[in-house]
N, C-alpha and C. Protein backbone atom coordinates (compact mmCIF):
# COMPACT_ATOMS: atom_id res chain seq x y z
N UNK A 1 83.63 111.26 97.78
CA UNK A 1 85.06 111.50 97.61
C UNK A 1 85.69 110.28 96.94
N UNK A 2 86.54 110.51 96.01
CA UNK A 2 87.14 109.41 95.27
C UNK A 2 88.60 109.22 95.69
N UNK A 3 89.02 107.97 95.77
CA UNK A 3 90.43 107.67 96.03
C UNK A 3 90.92 106.79 94.90
N UNK A 4 92.21 106.50 94.90
CA UNK A 4 92.79 105.68 93.84
C UNK A 4 92.48 104.20 94.01
N UNK A 5 92.02 103.81 95.18
CA UNK A 5 91.74 102.40 95.41
C UNK A 5 90.24 102.18 95.46
N UNK A 6 89.84 100.96 95.21
CA UNK A 6 88.42 100.62 95.30
C UNK A 6 88.01 100.57 96.75
N UNK A 7 87.41 101.63 97.24
CA UNK A 7 87.08 101.73 98.65
C UNK A 7 85.92 100.82 99.00
N UNK A 8 85.86 100.40 100.26
CA UNK A 8 84.67 99.69 100.69
C UNK A 8 83.47 100.60 100.41
N UNK A 9 82.35 100.02 100.10
CA UNK A 9 81.17 100.77 99.65
C UNK A 9 80.94 102.04 100.46
N UNK A 10 80.99 103.19 99.79
CA UNK A 10 80.68 104.46 100.42
C UNK A 10 81.75 105.00 101.36
N UNK A 11 82.93 104.42 101.39
CA UNK A 11 83.96 104.86 102.33
C UNK A 11 84.65 106.12 101.81
N UNK A 12 84.96 107.03 102.74
CA UNK A 12 85.77 108.18 102.37
C UNK A 12 87.21 107.89 102.77
N UNK A 13 88.11 108.83 102.52
CA UNK A 13 89.52 108.59 102.79
C UNK A 13 89.77 108.24 104.25
N UNK A 14 89.15 108.98 105.16
CA UNK A 14 89.34 108.70 106.59
C UNK A 14 88.88 107.28 106.93
N UNK A 15 87.74 106.89 106.38
CA UNK A 15 87.24 105.53 106.64
C UNK A 15 88.17 104.48 106.06
N UNK A 16 88.76 104.77 104.90
CA UNK A 16 89.68 103.81 104.29
C UNK A 16 90.96 103.69 105.11
N UNK A 17 91.44 104.80 105.65
CA UNK A 17 92.62 104.74 106.53
C UNK A 17 92.28 103.88 107.75
N UNK A 18 91.11 104.09 108.34
CA UNK A 18 90.68 103.26 109.47
C UNK A 18 90.55 101.80 109.06
N UNK A 19 90.03 101.56 107.86
CA UNK A 19 89.87 100.20 107.33
C UNK A 19 91.23 99.49 107.26
N UNK A 20 92.24 100.13 106.66
CA UNK A 20 93.53 99.45 106.49
C UNK A 20 94.33 99.39 107.80
N UNK A 21 94.02 100.26 108.76
CA UNK A 21 94.76 100.22 110.01
C UNK A 21 94.07 99.39 111.09
N UNK A 22 92.96 98.74 110.72
CA UNK A 22 92.35 97.78 111.65
C UNK A 22 93.45 96.76 111.98
N UNK A 23 93.52 96.33 113.22
CA UNK A 23 94.66 95.55 113.71
C UNK A 23 95.07 94.38 112.82
N UNK A 24 94.14 93.50 112.50
CA UNK A 24 94.48 92.32 111.70
C UNK A 24 94.88 92.71 110.28
N UNK A 25 94.12 93.61 109.66
CA UNK A 25 94.45 94.01 108.28
C UNK A 25 95.80 94.72 108.23
N UNK A 26 96.09 95.57 109.22
CA UNK A 26 97.37 96.27 109.21
C UNK A 26 98.53 95.29 109.44
N UNK A 27 98.30 94.28 110.28
CA UNK A 27 99.32 93.25 110.48
C UNK A 27 99.59 92.51 109.17
N UNK A 28 98.52 92.19 108.42
CA UNK A 28 98.69 91.50 107.15
C UNK A 28 99.42 92.37 106.14
N UNK A 29 99.09 93.65 106.09
CA UNK A 29 99.81 94.57 105.20
C UNK A 29 101.28 94.63 105.59
N UNK A 30 101.55 94.67 106.89
CA UNK A 30 102.93 94.69 107.37
C UNK A 30 103.66 93.41 106.97
N UNK A 31 102.96 92.26 107.05
CA UNK A 31 103.55 90.98 106.64
C UNK A 31 103.91 90.98 105.17
N UNK A 32 103.06 91.55 104.35
CA UNK A 32 103.32 91.63 102.91
C UNK A 32 104.54 92.52 102.67
N UNK A 33 104.58 93.65 103.37
CA UNK A 33 105.70 94.58 103.20
C UNK A 33 107.02 93.98 103.67
N UNK A 34 106.97 93.17 104.72
CA UNK A 34 108.22 92.65 105.26
C UNK A 34 108.70 91.39 104.56
N UNK A 35 107.85 90.77 103.76
CA UNK A 35 108.24 89.53 103.08
C UNK A 35 109.39 89.81 102.13
N UNK A 36 110.39 88.93 102.06
CA UNK A 36 111.56 89.17 101.20
C UNK A 36 111.19 89.48 99.74
N UNK A 37 110.13 88.87 99.23
CA UNK A 37 109.73 89.11 97.85
C UNK A 37 108.52 90.03 97.75
N UNK A 38 107.95 90.42 98.90
CA UNK A 38 106.72 91.20 98.88
C UNK A 38 105.55 90.40 98.37
N UNK A 39 105.69 89.07 98.40
CA UNK A 39 104.69 88.15 97.85
C UNK A 39 104.50 86.92 98.74
N UNK A 40 103.98 87.09 99.95
CA UNK A 40 103.77 85.91 100.79
C UNK A 40 102.61 85.06 100.29
N UNK A 41 102.67 83.78 100.62
CA UNK A 41 101.54 82.88 100.37
C UNK A 41 100.57 83.00 101.55
N UNK A 42 99.39 82.44 101.40
CA UNK A 42 98.41 82.45 102.49
C UNK A 42 98.98 81.73 103.71
N UNK A 43 99.68 80.62 103.48
CA UNK A 43 100.27 79.86 104.60
C UNK A 43 101.24 80.75 105.38
N UNK A 44 102.09 81.51 104.68
CA UNK A 44 103.04 82.38 105.37
C UNK A 44 102.31 83.44 106.18
N UNK A 45 101.25 84.02 105.61
CA UNK A 45 100.47 85.02 106.34
C UNK A 45 99.84 84.39 107.59
N UNK A 46 99.36 83.17 107.47
CA UNK A 46 98.77 82.48 108.62
C UNK A 46 99.82 82.23 109.70
N UNK A 47 101.02 81.81 109.29
CA UNK A 47 102.09 81.52 110.26
C UNK A 47 102.57 82.78 110.98
N UNK A 48 102.53 83.90 110.29
CA UNK A 48 102.98 85.16 110.88
C UNK A 48 101.93 85.78 111.81
N UNK A 49 100.75 85.18 111.83
CA UNK A 49 99.65 85.68 112.67
C UNK A 49 99.05 84.53 113.48
N UNK A 50 99.85 83.92 114.36
CA UNK A 50 99.39 82.72 115.05
C UNK A 50 98.20 82.94 115.99
N UNK A 51 97.97 84.17 116.41
CA UNK A 51 96.85 84.43 117.33
C UNK A 51 95.53 84.63 116.60
N UNK A 52 95.57 84.57 115.26
CA UNK A 52 94.38 84.78 114.44
C UNK A 52 94.09 83.48 113.69
N UNK A 53 92.82 83.10 113.61
CA UNK A 53 92.48 81.86 112.91
C UNK A 53 92.77 81.98 111.42
N UNK A 54 92.98 80.83 110.78
CA UNK A 54 93.23 80.82 109.34
C UNK A 54 92.06 81.45 108.59
N UNK A 55 90.84 81.17 109.03
CA UNK A 55 89.65 81.74 108.38
C UNK A 55 89.64 83.26 108.48
N UNK A 56 90.08 83.78 109.63
CA UNK A 56 90.12 85.24 109.83
C UNK A 56 91.18 85.87 108.93
N UNK A 57 92.35 85.22 108.84
CA UNK A 57 93.40 85.73 107.94
C UNK A 57 92.85 85.80 106.52
N UNK A 58 92.24 84.72 106.08
CA UNK A 58 91.70 84.66 104.72
C UNK A 58 90.65 85.76 104.51
N UNK A 59 89.75 85.92 105.47
CA UNK A 59 88.67 86.91 105.36
C UNK A 59 89.24 88.33 105.23
N UNK A 60 90.26 88.64 106.03
CA UNK A 60 90.83 89.99 105.98
C UNK A 60 91.65 90.21 104.71
N UNK A 61 92.35 89.19 104.24
CA UNK A 61 93.05 89.32 102.96
C UNK A 61 92.03 89.59 101.85
N UNK A 62 90.92 88.88 101.89
CA UNK A 62 89.88 89.08 100.87
C UNK A 62 89.32 90.50 100.94
N UNK A 63 89.13 91.02 102.14
CA UNK A 63 88.64 92.40 102.29
C UNK A 63 89.64 93.40 101.69
N UNK A 64 90.93 93.15 101.90
CA UNK A 64 91.97 94.02 101.34
C UNK A 64 91.99 93.93 99.81
N UNK A 65 91.73 92.74 99.29
CA UNK A 65 91.63 92.56 97.83
C UNK A 65 90.42 93.33 97.30
N UNK A 66 89.29 93.15 97.96
CA UNK A 66 88.06 93.83 97.53
C UNK A 66 88.21 95.35 97.55
N UNK A 67 89.02 95.86 98.47
CA UNK A 67 89.23 97.30 98.58
C UNK A 67 90.28 97.81 97.59
N UNK A 68 90.95 96.89 96.87
CA UNK A 68 91.95 97.30 95.89
C UNK A 68 93.32 97.60 96.47
N UNK A 69 93.55 97.23 97.73
CA UNK A 69 94.83 97.48 98.39
C UNK A 69 95.81 96.35 98.10
N UNK A 70 95.29 95.12 98.06
CA UNK A 70 96.09 93.92 97.85
C UNK A 70 95.54 93.18 96.64
N UNK A 71 96.41 92.45 95.96
CA UNK A 71 95.94 91.61 94.86
C UNK A 71 96.55 90.22 95.00
N UNK A 72 95.81 89.25 94.48
CA UNK A 72 96.29 87.87 94.42
C UNK A 72 97.05 87.71 93.12
N UNK A 73 98.22 87.09 93.20
CA UNK A 73 99.05 86.84 92.03
C UNK A 73 99.32 85.35 91.98
N UNK A 74 99.16 84.74 90.81
CA UNK A 74 99.35 83.30 90.71
C UNK A 74 100.47 82.95 89.74
N UNK A 75 101.11 81.85 90.04
CA UNK A 75 102.13 81.31 89.13
C UNK A 75 101.43 80.73 87.91
N UNK A 76 101.99 80.88 86.73
CA UNK A 76 101.42 80.22 85.55
C UNK A 76 101.39 78.71 85.78
N UNK A 77 100.41 78.05 85.19
CA UNK A 77 100.25 76.60 85.38
C UNK A 77 101.54 75.82 85.14
N UNK A 78 102.28 76.19 84.11
CA UNK A 78 103.49 75.43 83.76
C UNK A 78 104.66 75.68 84.72
N UNK A 79 104.52 76.63 85.65
CA UNK A 79 105.59 76.90 86.62
C UNK A 79 105.25 76.39 88.01
N UNK A 80 104.06 75.86 88.19
CA UNK A 80 103.65 75.38 89.50
C UNK A 80 104.35 74.07 89.81
N UNK A 81 104.74 73.92 91.09
CA UNK A 81 105.41 72.70 91.52
C UNK A 81 104.62 72.07 92.66
N UNK A 82 104.46 70.76 92.60
CA UNK A 82 103.74 70.06 93.64
C UNK A 82 104.40 70.30 94.99
N UNK A 83 103.59 70.57 95.99
CA UNK A 83 104.11 70.78 97.34
C UNK A 83 104.52 72.21 97.62
N UNK A 84 104.35 73.09 96.65
CA UNK A 84 104.69 74.51 96.82
C UNK A 84 103.46 75.36 96.54
N UNK A 85 103.39 76.51 97.18
CA UNK A 85 102.24 77.39 96.91
C UNK A 85 102.31 77.96 95.50
N UNK A 86 101.16 78.37 94.98
CA UNK A 86 101.13 79.00 93.66
C UNK A 86 100.30 80.28 93.66
N UNK A 87 99.72 80.59 94.82
CA UNK A 87 98.99 81.86 94.98
C UNK A 87 99.74 82.71 96.00
N UNK A 88 99.92 83.97 95.65
CA UNK A 88 100.65 84.90 96.50
C UNK A 88 99.89 86.22 96.57
N UNK A 89 100.26 87.05 97.53
CA UNK A 89 99.55 88.30 97.75
C UNK A 89 100.54 89.45 97.83
N UNK A 90 100.18 90.56 97.16
CA UNK A 90 101.06 91.73 97.18
C UNK A 90 100.20 92.99 97.19
N UNK A 91 100.86 94.09 97.51
CA UNK A 91 100.18 95.38 97.43
C UNK A 91 99.95 95.73 95.97
N UNK A 92 98.80 96.31 95.68
CA UNK A 92 98.59 96.85 94.34
C UNK A 92 99.35 98.16 94.25
N UNK A 93 99.59 98.65 93.05
CA UNK A 93 100.25 99.95 92.90
C UNK A 93 99.41 101.03 93.58
N UNK A 94 98.09 100.94 93.42
CA UNK A 94 97.20 101.91 94.03
C UNK A 94 97.23 101.80 95.55
N UNK A 95 97.29 100.56 96.05
CA UNK A 95 97.37 100.34 97.50
C UNK A 95 98.65 100.92 98.07
N UNK A 96 99.77 100.68 97.38
CA UNK A 96 101.05 101.22 97.83
C UNK A 96 101.00 102.75 97.83
N UNK A 97 100.45 103.33 96.78
CA UNK A 97 100.35 104.80 96.69
C UNK A 97 99.49 105.35 97.83
N UNK A 98 98.37 104.67 98.10
CA UNK A 98 97.49 105.11 99.19
C UNK A 98 98.21 105.05 100.53
N UNK A 99 98.90 103.94 100.80
CA UNK A 99 99.62 103.79 102.06
C UNK A 99 100.73 104.81 102.18
N UNK A 100 101.43 105.07 101.08
CA UNK A 100 102.49 106.08 101.08
C UNK A 100 101.92 107.46 101.36
N UNK A 101 100.84 107.80 100.69
CA UNK A 101 100.20 109.12 100.84
C UNK A 101 99.81 109.37 102.29
N UNK A 102 99.42 108.32 102.99
CA UNK A 102 98.97 108.47 104.37
C UNK A 102 100.04 108.04 105.38
N UNK A 103 101.28 108.02 104.92
CA UNK A 103 102.45 107.77 105.76
C UNK A 103 102.36 106.43 106.51
N UNK A 104 101.84 105.42 105.84
CA UNK A 104 101.70 104.11 106.47
C UNK A 104 102.77 103.13 105.99
N UNK A 105 103.75 103.62 105.23
CA UNK A 105 104.85 102.76 104.76
C UNK A 105 106.17 103.12 105.41
N UNK A 106 106.15 104.04 106.35
CA UNK A 106 107.39 104.57 106.93
C UNK A 106 108.29 103.47 107.51
N UNK A 107 107.70 102.40 108.01
CA UNK A 107 108.49 101.37 108.68
C UNK A 107 108.83 100.18 107.77
N UNK A 108 108.65 100.33 106.47
CA UNK A 108 108.83 99.18 105.57
C UNK A 108 110.22 98.53 105.71
N UNK A 109 111.28 99.32 105.71
CA UNK A 109 112.64 98.75 105.83
C UNK A 109 112.84 98.08 107.18
N UNK A 110 112.32 98.70 108.23
CA UNK A 110 112.43 98.12 109.57
C UNK A 110 111.69 96.79 109.63
N UNK A 111 110.50 96.74 109.03
CA UNK A 111 109.74 95.49 109.01
C UNK A 111 110.52 94.39 108.31
N UNK A 112 111.18 94.74 107.21
CA UNK A 112 111.97 93.74 106.47
C UNK A 112 113.14 93.24 107.31
N UNK A 113 113.79 94.14 108.04
CA UNK A 113 114.91 93.72 108.90
C UNK A 113 114.41 92.82 110.03
N UNK A 114 113.26 93.15 110.61
CA UNK A 114 112.70 92.32 111.67
C UNK A 114 112.38 90.93 111.14
N UNK A 115 111.80 90.87 109.96
CA UNK A 115 111.44 89.58 109.35
C UNK A 115 112.68 88.71 109.19
N UNK A 116 113.79 89.31 108.80
CA UNK A 116 115.03 88.56 108.59
C UNK A 116 115.54 87.95 109.89
N UNK A 117 115.14 88.49 111.04
CA UNK A 117 115.64 87.99 112.32
C UNK A 117 114.78 86.87 112.91
N UNK A 118 113.65 86.57 112.28
CA UNK A 118 112.79 85.49 112.80
C UNK A 118 113.54 84.17 112.63
N UNK A 119 113.87 83.55 113.74
CA UNK A 119 114.72 82.34 113.66
C UNK A 119 113.95 81.05 113.90
N UNK A 120 112.73 81.12 114.39
CA UNK A 120 112.02 79.90 114.73
C UNK A 120 110.92 79.58 113.72
N UNK A 121 111.19 79.84 112.45
CA UNK A 121 110.21 79.54 111.40
C UNK A 121 110.12 78.03 111.20
N UNK A 122 108.89 77.53 111.06
CA UNK A 122 108.74 76.10 110.75
C UNK A 122 109.39 75.78 109.39
N UNK A 123 109.82 74.54 109.25
CA UNK A 123 110.47 74.10 108.01
C UNK A 123 109.59 74.37 106.78
N UNK A 124 108.28 74.14 106.93
CA UNK A 124 107.36 74.36 105.81
C UNK A 124 107.34 75.84 105.41
N UNK A 125 107.44 76.73 106.39
CA UNK A 125 107.43 78.16 106.07
C UNK A 125 108.70 78.53 105.30
N UNK A 126 109.82 78.00 105.70
CA UNK A 126 111.08 78.28 104.99
C UNK A 126 110.97 77.75 103.56
N UNK A 127 110.40 76.56 103.41
CA UNK A 127 110.20 75.98 102.08
C UNK A 127 109.31 76.91 101.24
N UNK A 128 108.21 77.37 101.83
CA UNK A 128 107.28 78.25 101.10
C UNK A 128 107.92 79.60 100.79
N UNK A 129 108.72 80.10 101.71
CA UNK A 129 109.43 81.36 101.48
C UNK A 129 110.31 81.28 100.24
N UNK A 130 110.88 80.10 100.02
CA UNK A 130 111.80 79.90 98.91
C UNK A 130 111.11 79.33 97.66
N UNK A 131 109.80 79.28 97.70
CA UNK A 131 109.03 78.76 96.56
C UNK A 131 109.16 79.71 95.37
N UNK A 132 109.05 79.17 94.17
CA UNK A 132 109.06 80.04 92.98
C UNK A 132 107.92 81.05 93.07
N UNK A 133 108.21 82.26 92.66
CA UNK A 133 107.22 83.33 92.66
C UNK A 133 107.01 83.80 91.23
N UNK A 134 105.83 84.38 90.96
CA UNK A 134 105.60 84.93 89.61
C UNK A 134 106.61 86.03 89.29
N UNK A 135 107.03 86.08 88.07
CA UNK A 135 107.93 87.14 87.61
C UNK A 135 107.06 88.33 87.22
N UNK A 136 107.11 89.38 88.04
CA UNK A 136 106.19 90.49 87.85
C UNK A 136 106.83 91.70 87.16
N UNK A 137 108.03 91.54 86.72
CA UNK A 137 108.73 92.67 86.09
C UNK A 137 108.25 92.89 84.68
């Protein structure tokens, strides 16, 4: 069975839904959806998942990239600023379509409102949140 996203080897649609709804991966997808720009850095994803090790966050983001759900987006060299992130993560168009098709985006606006209420963000996270992002338009 074929889907619009690059499925994990041999996965069917049901397996892909299970893949993206695995607790850590679904939390990371939710973090991407709730981010003000839809483009969090790895540091922001790590901060939003304090009960998960940095290595685990990285591993699951990589799995989502390999599956075609998430993509890494980088700032052009001439726009990078010292002390700020230059790699960000967002849903691919195919990933967004897959999540929409399986009703996994229903809470996107709620997630964004919840994110806006987080008041105890470390200073570095606020700095990273306000870092220049690639212009994807």
